[in-house]
C-alpha cells in the first residue's frame, strides 16, 4: 500500500509497509466505505488511505498561513505568586498546580 495514494490512483497501487490503526466508526460509515470500495474495485484499506491523503491535503491548504492563537496574558495582579509562574491564581495566591502541590506537601 502506498502512503501517498490518491483517489485517482486506486487500482494501480503497490505494497509498502503499513501499521494497523484500530478506529471505531459508525456502522453506516463502514457500510458506505464497503460500497465505495466495491464500486471502485479496490480494497477498503486503499480507499481509506486515499481519502485520508485527500483530506489531509485539503486541511493543510486551509491551515496554510494561519497563526497559532496567542495565549491569554494574565494581568500581573492575578498571577500565581510562585516566581516564574504565569498562570492565573486560584487560591491563597497560587495557581491550581502550585496550590495542589502545596496541599500534597502538608
C-alpha atoms as a PDB file:
ATOM      1  CA  UNK A   1       0.000   0.000   0.000  1.00  0.00           C
ATOM      2  CA  UNK A   2       1.476   3.364  -0.990  1.00  0.00           C
ATOM      3  CA  UNK A   3       1.424   6.059   1.651  1.00  0.00           C
ATOM      4  CA  UNK A   4       0.929   8.777  -0.997  1.00  0.00           C
ATOM      5  CA  UNK A   5      -2.112   7.060  -2.546  1.00  0.00           C
ATOM      6  CA  UNK A   6      -4.797   9.327  -4.072  1.00  0.00           C
ATOM      7  CA  UNK A   7      -8.317   8.529  -5.194  1.00  0.00           C
ATOM      8  CA  UNK A   8      -7.301   8.641  -8.866  1.00  0.00           C
ATOM      9  CA  UNK A   9      -4.560   6.047  -8.134  1.00  0.00           C
ATOM     10  CA  UNK A  10      -6.890   3.367  -6.771  1.00  0.00           C
ATOM     11  CA  UNK A  11      -6.475   0.061  -8.527  1.00  0.00           C
ATOM     12  CA  UNK A  12      -2.838   0.691  -9.511  1.00  0.00           C
ATOM     13  CA  UNK A  13      -1.257   0.612  -6.038  1.00  0.00           C
ATOM     14  CA  UNK A  14       1.824  -1.297  -4.935  1.00  0.00           C
ATOM     15  CA  UNK A  15       2.502  -2.700  -1.456  1.00  0.00           C
ATOM     16  CA  UNK A  16       4.539  -0.778   1.155  1.00  0.00           C
ATOM     17  CA  UNK A  17       4.949  -1.135   4.916  1.00  0.00           C
ATOM     18  CA  UNK A  18       1.859  -0.217   6.899  1.00  0.00           C
ATOM     19  CA  UNK A  19       0.769  -0.016  10.519  1.00  0.00           C
ATOM     20  CA  UNK A  20      -2.518  -1.193  11.967  1.00  0.00           C
ATOM     21  CA  UNK A  21      -4.788   1.584  13.243  1.00  0.00           C
ATOM     22  CA  UNK A  22      -7.874   0.471  15.112  1.00  0.00           C
ATOM     23  CA  UNK A  23     -10.597   3.114  14.880  1.00  0.00           C
ATOM     24  CA  UNK A  24     -14.253   2.833  15.812  1.00  0.00           C
ATOM     25  CA  UNK A  25     -16.576   4.318  13.208  1.00  0.00           C
ATOM     26  CA  UNK A  26     -20.367   4.351  12.887  1.00  0.00           C
ATOM     27  CA  UNK A  27     -21.866   1.318  11.141  1.00  0.00           C
ATOM     28  CA  UNK A  28     -23.404   3.406   8.354  1.00  0.00           C
ATOM     29  CA  UNK A  29     -19.980   4.915   7.568  1.00  0.00           C
ATOM     30  CA  UNK A  30     -18.452   1.441   7.401  1.00  0.00           C
ATOM     31  CA  UNK A  31     -21.227   0.365   5.018  1.00  0.00           C
ATOM     32  CA  UNK A  32     -20.534   3.409   2.788  1.00  0.00           C
ATOM     33  CA  UNK A  33     -16.812   2.593   2.738  1.00  0.00           C
ATOM     34  CA  UNK A  34     -17.597  -1.011   1.745  1.00  0.00           C
ATOM     35  CA  UNK A  35     -19.929   0.171  -1.038  1.00  0.00           C
ATOM     36  CA  UNK A  36     -17.489   2.725  -2.486  1.00  0.00           C
ATOM     37  CA  UNK A  37     -14.575   0.259  -2.329  1.00  0.00           C
ATOM     38  CA  UNK A  38     -16.627  -2.309  -4.253  1.00  0.00           C
ATOM     39  CA  UNK A  39     -17.681   0.295  -6.842  1.00  0.00           C
ATOM     40  CA  UNK A  40     -14.069   1.409  -7.373  1.00  0.00           C
ATOM     41  CA  UNK A  41     -12.748  -2.160  -7.341  1.00  0.00           C
ATOM     42  CA  UNK A  42     -10.184  -1.525  -4.613  1.00  0.00           C
ATOM     43  CA  UNK A  43      -9.591  -2.603  -1.047  1.00  0.00           C
ATOM     44  CA  UNK A  44     -11.112  -0.723   1.875  1.00  0.00           C
ATOM     45  CA  UNK A  45      -7.588  -0.022   3.145  1.00  0.00           C
ATOM     46  CA  UNK A  46      -6.560   1.596  -0.136  1.00  0.00           C
ATOM     47  CA  UNK A  47      -9.746   3.668  -0.184  1.00  0.00           C
ATOM     48  CA  UNK A  48      -9.269   4.898   3.386  1.00  0.00           C
ATOM     49  CA  UNK A  49      -5.613   5.827   2.769  1.00  0.00           C
ATOM     50  CA  UNK A  50      -6.601   7.745  -0.361  1.00  0.00           C
ATOM     51  CA  UNK A  51      -9.409   9.544   1.499  1.00  0.00           C
ATOM     52  CA  UNK A  52      -7.064  10.420   4.386  1.00  0.00           C
ATOM     53  CA  UNK A  53      -4.482  11.808   1.965  1.00  0.00           C
ATOM     54  CA  UNK A  54      -7.070  13.887   0.102  1.00  0.00           C
ATOM     55  CA  UNK A  55      -8.497  15.204   3.388  1.00  0.00           C
ATOM     56  CA  UNK A  56      -5.068  15.947   4.861  1.00  0.00           C
ATOM     57  CA  UNK A  57      -4.101  17.891   1.755  1.00  0.00           C
ATOM     58  CA  UNK A  58      -7.310  19.935   1.958  1.00  0.00           C
ATOM     59  CA  UNK A  59      -6.759  20.613   5.671  1.00  0.00           C
ATOM     60  CA  UNK A  60      -3.134  21.643   5.097  1.00  0.00           C
ATOM     61  CA  UNK A  61      -4.278  24.057   2.380  1.00  0.00           C
ATOM     62  CA  UNK A  62      -6.863  25.626   4.700  1.00  0.00           C
ATOM     63  CA  UNK A  63      -4.345  25.955   7.540  1.00  0.00           C
ATOM     64  CA  UNK A  64      -1.630  27.492   5.381  1.00  0.00           C
ATOM     65  CA  UNK A  65      -0.847  30.966   6.623  1.00  0.00           C
ATOM     66  CA  UNK A  66      -2.853  30.615   9.834  1.00  0.00           C
ATOM     67  CA  UNK A  67      -1.052  31.583  13.009  1.00  0.00           C
ATOM     68  CA  UNK A  68      -1.301  29.825  16.334  1.00  0.00           C
ATOM     69  CA  UNK A  69      -3.600  31.771  18.675  1.00  0.00           C
ATOM     70  CA  UNK A  70      -1.749  33.744  21.311  1.00  0.00           C
ATOM     71  CA  UNK A  71      -2.022  32.541  24.880  1.00  0.00           C
ATOM     72  CA  UNK A  72      -4.086  34.898  27.016  1.00  0.00           C
ATOM     73  CA  UNK A  73      -1.977  37.220  29.157  1.00  0.00           C
ATOM     74  CA  UNK A  74      -2.864  37.113  32.838  1.00  0.00           C
ATOM     75  CA  UNK A  75      -2.628  40.559  34.485  1.00  0.00           C
ATOM     76  CA  UNK A  76       0.234  40.853  36.995  1.00  0.00           C
ATOM     77  CA  UNK A  77      -2.167  41.276  39.930  1.00  0.00           C
ATOM     78  CA  UNK A  78      -3.880  37.966  39.157  1.00  0.00           C
ATOM     79  CA  UNK A  79      -0.789  35.796  38.562  1.00  0.00           C
ATOM     80  CA  UNK A  80       0.438  32.975  40.752  1.00  0.00           C
ATOM     81  CA  UNK A  81       2.818  34.145  43.494  1.00  0.00           C
ATOM     82  CA  UNK A  82       5.428  31.460  42.624  1.00  0.00           C
ATOM     83  CA  UNK A  83       8.384  33.068  40.855  1.00  0.00           C
ATOM     84  CA  UNK A  84       8.313  32.481  37.094  1.00  0.00           C
ATOM     85  CA  UNK A  85       4.747  31.105  37.010  1.00  0.00           C
ATOM     86  CA  UNK A  86       2.476  32.960  34.573  1.00  0.00           C
ATOM     87  CA  UNK A  87      -0.756  31.102  35.399  1.00  0.00           C
ATOM     88  CA  UNK A  88      -3.785  32.754  36.976  1.00  0.00           C
ATOM     89  CA  UNK A  89      -4.024  32.352  40.720  1.00  0.00           C
ATOM     90  CA  UNK A  90      -6.861  30.277  42.103  1.00  0.00           C
ATOM     91  CA  UNK A  91      -6.484  30.097  45.890  1.00  0.00           C
ATOM     92  CA  UNK A  92      -4.139  31.573  48.506  1.00  0.00           C
ATOM     93  CA  UNK A  93      -2.202  33.445  45.821  1.00  0.00           C
ATOM     94  CA  UNK A  94      -1.301  30.236  43.952  1.00  0.00           C
ATOM     95  CA  UNK A  95      -2.365  28.733  40.637  1.00  0.00           C
ATOM     96  CA  UNK A  96      -4.162  25.408  40.690  1.00  0.00           C
ATOM     97  CA  UNK A  97      -0.962  23.381  40.096  1.00  0.00           C
ATOM     98  CA  UNK A  98       1.057  25.065  42.854  1.00  0.00           C
ATOM     99  CA  UNK A  99      -1.888  25.048  45.268  1.00  0.00           C
ATOM    100  CA  UNK A 100      -2.359  21.283  44.822  1.00  0.00           C
ATOM    101  CA  UNK A 101       1.394  20.714  45.228  1.00  0.00           C
ATOM    102  CA  UNK A 102       1.354  22.703  48.486  1.00  0.00           C
ATOM    103  CA  UNK A 103      -1.618  20.670  49.741  1.00  0.00           C
ATOM    104  CA  UNK A 104       0.217  17.402  48.973  1.00  0.00           C
ATOM    105  CA  UNK A 105       3.291  18.547  50.909  1.00  0.00           C
ATOM    106  CA  UNK A 106       1.252  19.007  54.098  1.00  0.00           C
END
